[in-house]
Structure formats: structure tokens, C-alpha cells
Amino acid sequence: MNKSKGRLEAEISTAVTKFEKEYIGRGPKESKSFIIEDMVIIRLKGILTPAEEKLAVEEGGAQIIKQMRMRLIESSQKMLEEIIESITQTEVISLLTDINPKSGERIFVFSLSKDIEAQFTQK
């Protein structure tokens, strides 16, 4: 792979933002990706719709948002894995995710089959 680590991280952020817009219906206000050894970590900020923001402050609302968003990701997990695999050219072993409805943030952690960060430190 002839891309820099920063370029690869930017591509991942762009692709996941596009996925969120197309599949969830709203993209994040901010997206940042990090490649750390055999992991890709993505932090999305500002992901809630205006209705979800209102629901998040109601009693039980945050849990409803978490359940719905987790269900959406479960149903689209294969698509997300394919996005990461195509960009990193590495097999995804697992996907972990969580959302905080109070702050409007989501974290994705993709575990990969090999350390892709090492390719950027080799001379």
C-alpha cells in the first residue's frame, strides 16, 4: 500500500461518514479515525437527529436511542466490515461499537487480522 497512515485514516473517516448518511439517514458533524496496530478506531461526533437529541434527555430516551442505533449497526455490520476491508486491504475479525446519546458520540473499533500500522513504520 502506497498511502500514508494519515491518508488511510482520512479515507476511513470519509467512507464511514458516507455510510452513516446513506444508511442511517444522517452523517456525523465530525469524524476522526485512528489506526493503532491491528485496530481501526473511529470516533463520530454529532450523530443524533434533532428528534433523537430531544428524546435523549427524556426518561428512558437514551436507552431507546442506544437500542435502535445498535440494532441498525447489527443489521449493517457486514457492509461496515466490507468498507474497512476494502480501504485497509485487511480482513476484519470483529466490530465493537457503542453510542452515548447524551453526548451524541459513537465509537467503532474494528479488530483486524494483522497489524497494518507496522507498514507505516518500516523503512
C-alpha atoms as a PDB file:
ATOM      1  CA  MET A   1       0.000   0.000   0.000  1.00  0.00           C
ATOM      2  CA  ASN A   2       1.490   3.344  -1.045  1.00  0.00           C
ATOM      3  CA  LYS A   3      -0.737   5.590   1.050  1.00  0.00           C
ATOM      4  CA  SER A   4       0.313   7.361   4.212  1.00  0.00           C
ATOM      5  CA  LYS A   5      -1.264   6.487   7.534  1.00  0.00           C
ATOM      6  CA  GLY A   6      -2.982   9.885   7.635  1.00  0.00           C
ATOM      7  CA  ARG A   7      -4.403   9.412   4.142  1.00  0.00           C
ATOM      8  CA  LEU A   8      -5.750   5.972   5.032  1.00  0.00           C
ATOM      9  CA  GLU A   9      -7.333   7.317   8.235  1.00  0.00           C
ATOM     10  CA  ALA A  10      -8.937  10.160   6.259  1.00  0.00           C
ATOM     11  CA  GLU A  11     -10.342   7.697   3.700  1.00  0.00           C
ATOM     12  CA  ILE A  12     -11.849   5.622   6.503  1.00  0.00           C
ATOM     13  CA  SER A  13     -13.467   8.701   8.063  1.00  0.00           C
ATOM     14  CA  THR A  14     -14.904   9.788   4.717  1.00  0.00           C
ATOM     15  CA  ALA A  15     -16.264   6.316   3.940  1.00  0.00           C
ATOM     16  CA  VAL A  16     -17.871   5.832   7.368  1.00  0.00           C
ATOM     17  CA  THR A  17     -19.421   9.321   7.189  1.00  0.00           C
ATOM     18  CA  LYS A  18     -20.863   8.450   3.768  1.00  0.00           C
ATOM     19  CA  PHE A  19     -22.196   5.163   5.170  1.00  0.00           C
ATOM     20  CA  GLU A  20     -23.874   6.972   8.090  1.00  0.00           C
ATOM     21  CA  LYS A  21     -25.503   9.469   5.698  1.00  0.00           C
ATOM     22  CA  GLU A  22     -26.742   6.843   3.275  1.00  0.00           C
ATOM     23  CA  TYR A  23     -27.733   4.061   5.681  1.00  0.00           C
ATOM     24  CA  ILE A  24     -28.680   5.837   8.908  1.00  0.00           C
ATOM     25  CA  GLY A  25     -30.001   8.950   7.191  1.00  0.00           C
ATOM     26  CA  ARG A  26     -27.709  11.458   8.867  1.00  0.00           C
ATOM     27  CA  GLY A  27     -23.972  11.770   8.947  1.00  0.00           C
ATOM     28  CA  PRO A  28     -21.842  12.905  11.859  1.00  0.00           C
ATOM     29  CA  LYS A  29     -20.774  16.515  12.266  1.00  0.00           C
ATOM     30  CA  GLU A  30     -17.235  15.274  12.865  1.00  0.00           C
ATOM     31  CA  SER A  31     -15.431  12.011  12.139  1.00  0.00           C
ATOM     32  CA  LYS A  32     -11.904  11.015  13.136  1.00  0.00           C
ATOM     33  CA  SER A  33     -10.200   7.677  12.504  1.00  0.00           C
ATOM     34  CA  PHE A  34      -7.108   6.177  14.088  1.00  0.00           C
ATOM     35  CA  ILE A  35      -5.042   3.183  13.002  1.00  0.00           C
ATOM     36  CA  ILE A  36      -3.389   1.593  16.020  1.00  0.00           C
ATOM     37  CA  GLU A  37      -1.561  -1.647  15.342  1.00  0.00           C
ATOM     38  CA  ASP A  38      -4.284  -4.150  14.318  1.00  0.00           C
ATOM     39  CA  MET A  39      -7.209  -1.858  15.134  1.00  0.00           C
ATOM     40  CA  VAL A  40      -9.124   0.901  13.412  1.00  0.00           C
ATOM     41  CA  ILE A  41     -10.859   3.215  15.851  1.00  0.00           C
ATOM     42  CA  ILE A  42     -13.433   5.691  14.577  1.00  0.00           C
ATOM     43  CA  ARG A  43     -14.958   8.449  16.685  1.00  0.00           C
ATOM     44  CA  LEU A  44     -18.087  10.124  15.339  1.00  0.00           C
ATOM     45  CA  LYS A  45     -19.437  13.302  16.935  1.00  0.00           C
ATOM     46  CA  GLY A  46     -22.805  14.923  16.389  1.00  0.00           C
ATOM     47  CA  ILE A  47     -24.599  11.844  15.105  1.00  0.00           C
ATOM     48  CA  LEU A  48     -28.071  12.324  16.579  1.00  0.00           C
ATOM     49  CA  THR A  49     -31.033  13.667  14.669  1.00  0.00           C
ATOM     50  CA  PRO A  50     -32.880  16.636  16.236  1.00  0.00           C
ATOM     51  CA  ALA A  51     -35.640  14.245  17.377  1.00  0.00           C
ATOM     52  CA  GLU A  52     -33.084  11.926  18.997  1.00  0.00           C
ATOM     53  CA  GLU A  53     -31.464  14.877  20.773  1.00  0.00           C
ATOM     54  CA  LYS A  54     -34.827  15.707  22.372  1.00  0.00           C
ATOM     55  CA  LEU A  55     -35.509  12.066  23.196  1.00  0.00           C
ATOM     56  CA  ALA A  56     -32.052  11.668  24.782  1.00  0.00           C
ATOM     57  CA  VAL A  57     -32.954  13.995  27.671  1.00  0.00           C
ATOM     58  CA  GLU A  58     -36.269  12.288  28.435  1.00  0.00           C
ATOM     59  CA  GLU A  59     -36.507   9.481  30.952  1.00  0.00           C
ATOM     60  CA  GLY A  60     -35.599   6.220  29.226  1.00  0.00           C
ATOM     61  CA  GLY A  61     -34.926   8.041  25.966  1.00  0.00           C
ATOM     62  CA  ALA A  62     -31.188   7.432  25.913  1.00  0.00           C
ATOM     63  CA  GLN A  63     -31.733   3.673  26.212  1.00  0.00           C
ATOM     64  CA  ILE A  64     -34.231   3.698  23.339  1.00  0.00           C
ATOM     65  CA  ILE A  65     -31.749   5.530  21.123  1.00  0.00           C
ATOM     66  CA  LYS A  66     -28.946   3.107  22.043  1.00  0.00           C
ATOM     67  CA  GLN A  67     -31.120   0.079  21.289  1.00  0.00           C
ATOM     68  CA  MET A  68     -32.303   1.434  17.950  1.00  0.00           C
ATOM     69  CA  ARG A  69     -28.866   2.538  16.793  1.00  0.00           C
ATOM     70  CA  MET A  70     -27.254  -0.733  17.917  1.00  0.00           C
ATOM     71  CA  ARG A  71     -29.897  -2.669  16.002  1.00  0.00           C
ATOM     72  CA  LEU A  72     -29.218  -0.628  12.863  1.00  0.00           C
ATOM     73  CA  ILE A  73     -25.492  -1.325  13.115  1.00  0.00           C
ATOM     74  CA  GLU A  74     -26.080  -5.038  13.734  1.00  0.00           C
ATOM     75  CA  SER A  75     -28.133  -5.221  10.541  1.00  0.00           C
ATOM     76  CA  SER A  76     -25.448  -3.406   8.541  1.00  0.00           C
ATOM     77  CA  GLN A  77     -22.342  -4.892  10.150  1.00  0.00           C
ATOM     78  CA  LYS A  78     -21.284  -6.748   7.004  1.00  0.00           C
ATOM     79  CA  MET A  79     -21.408  -3.532   4.956  1.00  0.00           C
ATOM     80  CA  LEU A  80     -19.257  -1.702   7.509  1.00  0.00           C
ATOM     81  CA  GLU A  81     -16.738  -4.533   7.616  1.00  0.00           C
ATOM     82  CA  GLU A  82     -16.525  -4.526   3.808  1.00  0.00           C
ATOM     83  CA  ILE A  83     -15.845  -0.776   3.813  1.00  0.00           C
ATOM     84  CA  ILE A  84     -12.946  -1.176   6.253  1.00  0.00           C
ATOM     85  CA  GLU A  85     -11.594  -4.264   4.464  1.00  0.00           C
ATOM     86  CA  SER A  86     -11.600  -2.525   1.080  1.00  0.00           C
ATOM     87  CA  ILE A  87      -9.729   0.514   2.396  1.00  0.00           C
ATOM     88  CA  THR A  88      -7.215  -1.324   4.591  1.00  0.00           C
ATOM     89  CA  GLN A  89      -6.949  -4.403   2.359  1.00  0.00           C
ATOM     90  CA  THR A  90      -7.111  -6.422   5.582  1.00  0.00           C
ATOM     91  CA  GLU A  91      -9.718  -8.812   6.961  1.00  0.00           C
ATOM     92  CA  VAL A  92     -11.912  -7.539   9.794  1.00  0.00           C
ATOM     93  CA  ILE A  93     -12.016 -10.006  12.689  1.00  0.00           C
ATOM     94  CA  SER A  94     -14.571  -8.187  14.840  1.00  0.00           C
ATOM     95  CA  LEU A  95     -16.503  -4.956  15.239  1.00  0.00           C
ATOM     96  CA  LEU A  96     -17.246  -3.363  18.583  1.00  0.00           C
ATOM     97  CA  THR A  97     -19.333  -0.220  18.913  1.00  0.00           C
ATOM     98  CA  ASP A  98     -21.123   1.948  21.423  1.00  0.00           C
ATOM     99  CA  ILE A  99     -23.058   5.188  21.371  1.00  0.00           C
ATOM    100  CA  ASN A 100     -23.518   7.856  24.009  1.00  0.00           C
ATOM    101  CA  PRO A 101     -26.884   9.549  23.394  1.00  0.00           C
ATOM    102  CA  LYS A 102     -26.125  12.273  25.945  1.00  0.00           C
ATOM    103  CA  SER A 103     -23.018  13.480  24.075  1.00  0.00           C
ATOM    104  CA  GLY A 104     -24.112  12.387  20.587  1.00  0.00           C
ATOM    105  CA  GLU A 105     -20.956  10.349  20.033  1.00  0.00           C
ATOM    106  CA  ARG A 106     -20.375   6.880  18.613  1.00  0.00           C
ATOM    107  CA  ILE A 107     -17.189   4.829  18.696  1.00  0.00           C
ATOM    108  CA  PHE A 108     -16.372   1.980  16.326  1.00  0.00           C
ATOM    109  CA  VAL A 109     -13.451  -0.373  16.967  1.00  0.00           C
ATOM    110  CA  PHE A 110     -12.534  -2.759  14.166  1.00  0.00           C
ATOM    111  CA  SER A 111     -10.138  -5.554  15.042  1.00  0.00           C
ATOM    112  CA  LEU A 112      -8.098  -6.609  12.007  1.00  0.00           C
ATOM    113  CA  SER A 113      -6.316  -9.826  11.087  1.00  0.00           C
ATOM    114  CA  LYS A 114      -2.894  -8.138  11.062  1.00  0.00           C
ATOM    115  CA  ASP A 115      -1.013  -5.106  12.315  1.00  0.00           C
ATOM    116  CA  ILE A 116      -1.428  -2.567   9.499  1.00  0.00           C
ATOM    117  CA  GLU A 117       0.242   0.260  11.424  1.00  0.00           C
ATOM    118  CA  ALA A 118       3.571  -1.573  11.123  1.00  0.00           C
ATOM    119  CA  GLN A 119       3.693  -0.907   7.387  1.00  0.00           C
ATOM    120  CA  PHE A 120       3.938   2.820   8.092  1.00  0.00           C
ATOM    121  CA  THR A 121       6.887   2.495  10.482  1.00  0.00           C
ATOM    122  CA  GLN A 122       9.007   0.164   8.351  1.00  0.00           C
ATOM    123  CA  LYS A 123      11.825   1.724   6.392  1.00  0.00           C
END
